[in-house]
Amino acid sequence: MWQFVALAGAAFSAYGQQQAGKAAAQQGRLQQAMYEQERRQNEIETMQRHNDRMAAYDSARASNLAWFAFSGRDPSDRSVKAFLNKQREVAYTDVARSDAQGFVEGQQLAFQGQMARFGGETKRRAYQIQAITTLASGLHDYGSVKTT
């Protein structure tokens, strides 16, 4: 009689380990989805920073051209051109730096998502191995108790 209780206990334990493995895999997938959502949000923020900086550049350029016109400076003057070119260079450098930073952050988030999923799958496999080991041990114990 007790051998059946021990066998049932092993089966329930193995079932619990199997369910824990499924939960770990699900948690890994959910974490990956969270990182993917964060990556998309980062992509949107990067585009917004890009657009905001370009709008600021366009506004500053228009204001500077208006100021130069008001002060009677010719926009084709070398010093005016040099000033406007430097302003453009700074703006485009800022945008390129921001875009590169956004790309790197997006890649990091994608990698973290992949690692979360991999971690969940690894835990699932470990729980499966534990479940099989528990069943094998329970069957072995059942056979040992039954023959004695």
Protein backbone atom coordinates (compact mmCIF):
# COMPACT_ATOMS: atom_id res chain seq x y z
CA MET A 1 0.00 0.00 0.00
CA TRP A 2 2.74 2.47 0.97
CA GLN A 3 4.58 1.81 -2.26
CA PHE A 4 1.57 3.22 -4.18
CA VAL A 5 1.57 6.32 -1.97
CA ALA A 6 5.30 6.79 -2.67
CA LEU A 7 4.73 6.32 -6.40
CA ALA A 8 1.81 8.77 -6.38
CA GLY A 9 3.95 11.27 -4.46
CA ALA A 10 6.69 10.97 -7.07
CA ALA A 11 4.14 11.46 -9.85
CA PHE A 12 2.67 14.57 -8.20
CA SER A 13 6.14 15.94 -7.58
CA ALA A 14 7.11 15.34 -11.21
CA TYR A 15 3.87 17.01 -12.36
CA GLY A 16 4.65 20.03 -10.16
CA GLN A 17 8.13 20.27 -11.61
CA GLN A 18 6.73 20.05 -15.14
CA GLN A 19 4.29 22.89 -14.35
CA ALA A 20 7.10 24.97 -12.83
CA GLY A 21 9.04 24.49 -16.05
CA LYS A 22 6.11 25.69 -18.13
CA ALA A 23 5.72 28.72 -15.86
CA ALA A 24 9.44 29.54 -16.15
CA ALA A 25 9.26 29.37 -19.95
CA GLN A 26 6.15 31.58 -19.94
CA GLN A 27 7.87 34.07 -17.67
CA GLY A 28 10.83 34.19 -20.08
CA ARG A 29 8.51 34.86 -23.01
CA LEU A 30 6.69 37.59 -21.09
CA GLN A 31 9.97 39.26 -20.14
CA GLN A 32 11.05 39.12 -23.77
CA ALA A 33 7.78 40.80 -24.79
CA MET A 34 8.36 43.48 -22.14
CA TYR A 35 11.87 44.17 -23.46
CA GLU A 36 10.52 44.26 -27.03
CA GLN A 37 7.90 46.82 -25.99
CA GLU A 38 10.59 48.88 -24.28
CA ARG A 39 12.73 48.64 -27.44
CA ARG A 40 9.86 49.97 -29.55
CA GLN A 41 9.28 52.80 -27.09
CA ASN A 42 12.99 53.65 -27.24
CA GLU A 43 12.78 53.72 -31.04
CA ILE A 44 9.90 56.20 -30.88
CA GLU A 45 11.75 58.38 -28.37
CA THR A 46 14.81 58.36 -30.62
CA MET A 47 12.73 59.54 -33.57
CA GLN A 48 11.16 62.25 -31.41
CA ARG A 49 14.58 63.50 -30.28
CA HIS A 50 15.71 63.51 -33.92
CA ASN A 51 12.66 65.47 -35.06
CA ASP A 52 12.85 67.90 -32.10
CA ARG A 53 16.53 68.67 -32.78
CA MET A 54 15.92 69.21 -36.47
CA ALA A 55 12.96 71.48 -35.71
CA ALA A 56 15.13 73.46 -33.28
CA TYR A 57 17.81 73.77 -35.96
CA ASP A 58 15.30 74.94 -38.57
CA SER A 59 13.86 77.49 -36.15
CA ALA A 60 17.29 78.80 -35.13
CA ARG A 61 18.36 79.02 -38.78
CA ALA A 62 15.25 81.01 -39.69
CA SER A 63 15.76 83.34 -36.71
CA ASN A 64 19.42 83.87 -37.57
CA LEU A 65 18.63 84.58 -41.22
CA ALA A 66 15.99 87.09 -40.14
CA TRP A 67 18.45 88.72 -37.73
CA PHE A 68 21.14 88.93 -40.40
CA ALA A 69 18.62 90.45 -42.82
CA PHE A 70 17.44 92.94 -40.16
CA SER A 71 21.03 93.98 -39.43
CA GLY A 72 21.73 94.45 -43.12
CA ARG A 73 24.14 91.53 -43.46
CA ASP A 74 24.15 89.71 -46.75
CA PRO A 75 23.38 85.96 -46.33
CA SER A 76 26.05 85.24 -48.96
CA ASP A 77 28.72 86.90 -46.78
CA ARG A 78 31.51 84.47 -45.87
CA SER A 79 31.22 84.95 -42.12
CA VAL A 80 27.42 84.47 -42.24
CA LYS A 81 27.85 81.34 -44.34
CA ALA A 82 30.51 80.03 -41.95
CA PHE A 83 28.22 80.68 -38.98
CA LEU A 84 25.25 78.94 -40.63
CA ASN A 85 27.40 76.01 -41.77
CA LYS A 86 28.78 75.54 -38.25
CA GLN A 87 25.25 75.67 -36.85
CA ARG A 88 24.16 73.00 -39.35
CA GLU A 89 27.21 70.84 -38.54
CA VAL A 90 26.48 70.97 -34.80
CA ALA A 91 22.81 70.10 -35.35
CA TYR A 92 23.57 67.14 -37.62
CA THR A 93 26.27 65.88 -35.23
CA ASP A 94 23.76 66.03 -32.38
CA VAL A 95 21.20 64.12 -34.43
CA ALA A 96 23.71 61.47 -35.52
CA ARG A 97 24.87 60.97 -31.93
CA SER A 98 21.30 60.70 -30.66
CA ASP A 99 20.35 58.25 -33.42
CA ALA A 100 23.41 56.09 -32.70
CA GLN A 101 22.65 56.09 -28.98
CA GLY A 102 19.04 55.08 -29.68
CA PHE A 103 20.20 52.27 -31.95
CA VAL A 104 22.62 50.90 -29.35
CA GLU A 105 20.00 51.08 -26.60
CA GLY A 106 17.54 49.27 -28.87
CA GLN A 107 20.06 46.52 -29.57
CA GLN A 108 20.75 46.12 -25.85
CA LEU A 109 17.04 45.76 -25.13
CA ALA A 110 16.63 43.20 -27.92
CA PHE A 111 19.55 41.21 -26.51
CA GLN A 112 18.12 41.37 -22.98
CA GLY A 113 14.83 40.06 -24.35
CA GLN A 114 16.55 37.16 -26.06
CA MET A 115 18.44 36.36 -22.87
CA ALA A 116 15.21 36.43 -20.83
CA ARG A 117 13.58 33.97 -23.22
CA PHE A 118 16.67 31.76 -23.23
CA GLY A 119 16.75 31.82 -19.42
CA GLY A 120 13.12 30.74 -19.25
CA GLU A 121 13.68 27.92 -21.71
CA THR A 122 16.76 26.77 -19.81
CA LYS A 123 14.80 26.68 -16.57
CA ARG A 124 12.02 24.75 -18.32
CA ARG A 125 14.50 22.12 -19.48
CA ALA A 126 16.01 21.87 -16.00
CA TYR A 127 12.57 21.33 -14.47
CA GLN A 128 11.82 18.67 -17.08
CA ILE A 129 15.02 16.85 -16.17
CA GLN A 130 14.08 17.09 -12.48
CA ALA A 131 10.63 15.70 -13.26
CA ILE A 132 12.08 12.75 -15.18
CA THR A 133 14.59 12.12 -12.38
CA THR A 134 11.84 12.24 -9.78
CA LEU A 135 9.74 9.76 -11.76
CA ALA A 136 12.68 7.43 -12.28
CA SER A 137 13.57 7.61 -8.60
CA GLY A 138 9.95 6.95 -7.63
CA LEU A 139 9.75 3.97 -9.96
CA HIS A 140 13.02 2.64 -8.57
CA ASP A 141 11.79 3.04 -5.01
CA TYR A 142 8.48 1.41 -5.92
CA GLY A 143 10.33 -1.57 -7.42
CA SER A 144 12.60 -1.81 -4.36
CA VAL A 145 9.71 -1.73 -1.90
CA LYS A 146 7.56 -4.13 -3.93
CA THR A 147 10.28 -6.82 -4.14
CA THR A 148 11.07 -6.74 -0.43
